[in-house]
Amino acid sequence: LLLLAAIHYQTGNLTAGLGHVEQCLSVAPKYMPAIPLHARILHGMGRSAEAVAACDAGLALQPGDPALMMQKAEAQAQCHDSAGAWQTLQPLLLQQTVSPSAAGLAARALHGLGRHEEAIEWAQRAAHDPTSSAEISRINWMQVAKVCDRVGRFDDAVAGCLKAHAP
């Protein structure tokens, strides 16, 4: 059931994926590999509040799970709960090595909190990270551009856009 759910998720058939992952969880409610996929599918369907609840259920079983924490913060940000996303990310941001995805999500949460300069710093950090994929780097340069535009740093906003769209 989990494999079918993952295949449907990867091919964009979220409704079928949700059905299979929920069947899986009805048989084995504490099956940890199914819980993050359940949250991702719910989030992908725009049901972010339910995704947060799914992540909380998983975190109750496996506290501190980085993948669940990231998924929860992403869903919280989608629900316009920047404070919640920032709080969820804190343990991940205090680690010696912060993933580009976590740094970028931190930038998004800080922007939502009105902490624009910090948001720019986190987004630039994520965009410059050599371990960052091209897609994550592009997303973070666009975050730099968005926040810089918001605070009137238009030259930096344009530079961020150009870096985001550079080949």
Protein backbone atom coordinates (compact mmCIF):
# COMPACT_ATOMS: atom_id res chain seq x y z
CA LEU A 1 0.00 0.00 0.00
CA LEU A 2 2.81 2.38 0.84
CA LEU A 3 4.56 1.69 -2.45
CA LEU A 4 1.35 2.34 -4.37
CA ALA A 5 0.84 5.56 -2.42
CA ALA A 6 4.40 6.67 -3.22
CA ILE A 7 3.98 5.88 -6.93
CA HIS A 8 0.74 7.85 -7.09
CA TYR A 9 2.34 10.74 -5.21
CA GLN A 10 5.32 10.80 -7.58
CA THR A 11 3.05 10.75 -10.64
CA GLY A 12 0.85 13.53 -9.27
CA ASN A 13 -2.22 11.43 -8.55
CA LEU A 14 -2.61 12.72 -5.01
CA THR A 15 -6.15 11.48 -4.48
CA ALA A 16 -5.20 7.87 -5.22
CA GLY A 17 -1.99 8.28 -3.19
CA LEU A 18 -3.96 9.56 -0.23
CA GLY A 19 -6.34 6.62 -0.41
CA HIS A 20 -3.49 4.09 -0.38
CA VAL A 21 -1.50 5.77 2.39
CA GLU A 22 -4.62 6.07 4.54
CA GLN A 23 -5.33 2.36 3.97
CA CYS A 24 -1.77 1.63 5.03
CA LEU A 25 -2.17 3.72 8.19
CA SER A 26 -5.52 2.09 9.00
CA VAL A 27 -3.74 -1.28 9.07
CA ALA A 28 -0.59 0.02 10.79
CA PRO A 29 -1.23 3.45 12.37
CA LYS A 30 2.28 3.73 13.79
CA TYR A 31 4.13 2.72 10.62
CA MET A 32 6.69 5.54 10.47
CA PRO A 33 7.51 5.37 6.73
CA ALA A 34 3.85 6.11 5.93
CA ILE A 35 3.43 9.15 8.17
CA PRO A 36 5.68 11.65 6.30
CA LEU A 37 4.20 10.56 2.96
CA HIS A 38 0.70 11.07 4.38
CA ALA A 39 1.67 14.60 5.44
CA ARG A 40 3.31 15.38 2.06
CA ILE A 41 0.23 14.23 0.17
CA LEU A 42 -2.11 16.22 2.40
CA HIS A 43 0.09 19.29 2.01
CA GLY A 44 0.23 18.80 -1.76
CA MET A 45 -3.57 18.74 -1.81
CA GLY A 46 -3.71 22.07 0.02
CA ARG A 47 -4.81 20.42 3.25
CA SER A 48 -1.92 21.86 5.21
CA ALA A 49 -3.64 22.00 8.61
CA GLU A 50 -4.24 18.24 8.32
CA ALA A 51 -0.61 17.81 7.26
CA VAL A 52 0.50 19.58 10.45
CA ALA A 53 -1.67 17.20 12.49
CA ALA A 54 -0.20 14.20 10.66
CA CYS A 55 3.31 15.46 11.41
CA ASP A 56 2.41 15.96 15.07
CA ALA A 57 1.19 12.35 15.22
CA GLY A 58 4.48 11.18 13.74
CA LEU A 59 6.55 13.41 16.03
CA ALA A 60 4.71 11.94 19.03
CA LEU A 61 6.02 8.54 17.93
CA GLN A 62 9.46 9.71 16.83
CA PRO A 63 10.33 13.05 18.49
CA GLY A 64 12.87 15.18 16.67
CA ASP A 65 12.56 13.41 13.31
CA PRO A 66 14.11 15.98 10.91
CA ALA A 67 11.97 15.02 7.89
CA LEU A 68 8.75 15.35 9.89
CA MET A 69 9.90 18.64 11.41
CA MET A 70 10.65 20.04 7.95
CA GLN A 71 7.31 18.84 6.60
CA LYS A 72 5.49 20.32 9.59
CA ALA A 73 7.25 23.69 9.22
CA GLU A 74 6.45 23.74 5.49
CA ALA A 75 2.78 23.05 6.20
CA GLN A 76 2.71 25.66 8.97
CA ALA A 77 4.20 28.24 6.60
CA GLN A 78 1.54 27.35 4.04
CA CYS A 79 -1.09 27.96 6.75
CA HIS A 80 0.47 31.41 7.34
CA ASP A 81 1.72 30.30 10.75
CA SER A 82 5.22 31.77 10.42
CA ALA A 83 5.74 31.79 14.19
CA GLY A 84 4.88 28.10 14.39
CA ALA A 85 7.14 27.27 11.44
CA TRP A 86 10.01 29.21 13.02
CA GLN A 87 9.51 27.42 16.34
CA THR A 88 9.36 24.01 14.64
CA LEU A 89 12.60 24.73 12.76
CA GLN A 90 14.61 25.85 15.80
CA PRO A 91 16.14 22.44 16.67
CA LEU A 92 17.20 21.97 13.04
CA LEU A 93 18.71 25.45 12.82
CA LEU A 94 20.82 24.95 15.93
CA GLN A 95 22.66 21.99 14.44
CA GLN A 96 26.24 22.38 13.26
CA THR A 97 25.19 21.72 9.66
CA VAL A 98 21.92 23.25 8.48
CA SER A 99 20.48 21.91 5.24
CA PRO A 100 19.79 24.41 2.44
CA SER A 101 16.12 23.43 2.58
CA ALA A 102 15.89 24.18 6.31
CA ALA A 103 17.73 27.48 5.85
CA GLY A 104 15.40 28.46 3.03
CA LEU A 105 12.34 27.57 5.06
CA ALA A 106 13.78 29.62 7.94
CA ALA A 107 14.04 32.57 5.56
CA ARG A 108 10.41 32.14 4.57
CA ALA A 109 9.28 31.98 8.21
CA LEU A 110 11.37 35.03 9.17
CA HIS A 111 9.93 36.98 6.23
CA GLY A 112 6.45 36.12 7.50
CA LEU A 113 7.46 37.41 10.93
CA GLY A 114 8.68 40.70 9.48
CA ARG A 115 12.32 39.92 10.32
CA HIS A 116 13.46 40.80 6.83
CA GLU A 117 17.22 41.23 7.24
CA GLU A 118 17.50 37.86 8.97
CA ALA A 119 15.35 36.34 6.24
CA ILE A 120 17.70 37.67 3.56
CA GLU A 121 20.73 36.29 5.41
CA TRP A 122 19.21 32.80 5.75
CA ALA A 123 18.06 32.74 2.11
CA GLN A 124 21.49 33.86 0.86
CA ARG A 125 23.16 31.26 3.07
CA ALA A 126 20.93 28.56 1.59
CA ALA A 127 21.40 29.79 -1.98
CA HIS A 128 25.20 29.84 -1.64
CA ASP A 129 25.40 26.41 0.03
CA PRO A 130 27.47 24.13 -2.22
CA THR A 131 25.31 21.14 -1.24
CA SER A 132 22.18 22.93 -2.48
CA SER A 133 20.49 21.49 -5.55
CA ALA A 134 19.92 23.84 -8.48
CA GLU A 135 16.19 23.93 -7.69
CA ILE A 136 16.68 24.71 -3.99
CA SER A 137 19.24 27.38 -4.87
CA ARG A 138 16.81 28.93 -7.39
CA ILE A 139 14.00 28.97 -4.82
CA ASN A 140 16.26 30.64 -2.27
CA TRP A 141 17.49 33.30 -4.70
CA MET A 142 13.84 34.08 -5.43
CA GLN A 143 13.25 34.36 -1.68
CA VAL A 144 16.15 36.84 -1.49
CA ALA A 145 14.56 38.81 -4.33
CA LYS A 146 11.12 38.78 -2.71
CA VAL A 147 12.32 40.01 0.68
CA CYS A 148 14.69 42.59 -0.79
CA ASP A 149 11.84 43.94 -2.90
CA ARG A 150 9.64 44.10 0.19
CA VAL A 151 12.16 46.25 2.08
CA GLY A 152 12.99 48.51 -0.87
CA ARG A 153 16.38 47.00 -1.75
CA PHE A 154 15.48 46.91 -5.41
CA ASP A 155 18.99 46.43 -6.82
CA ASP A 156 19.47 43.41 -4.56
CA ALA A 157 16.02 42.13 -5.57
CA VAL A 158 16.94 42.30 -9.26
CA ALA A 159 20.30 40.64 -8.54
CA GLY A 160 18.49 37.83 -6.71
CA CYS A 161 16.13 37.32 -9.64
CA LEU A 162 19.03 37.23 -12.09
CA LYS A 163 20.85 34.64 -9.98
CA ALA A 164 17.67 32.58 -9.69
CA HIS A 165 17.31 32.47 -13.45
CA ALA A 166 20.99 32.12 -14.37
CA PRO A 167 21.83 29.01 -16.39
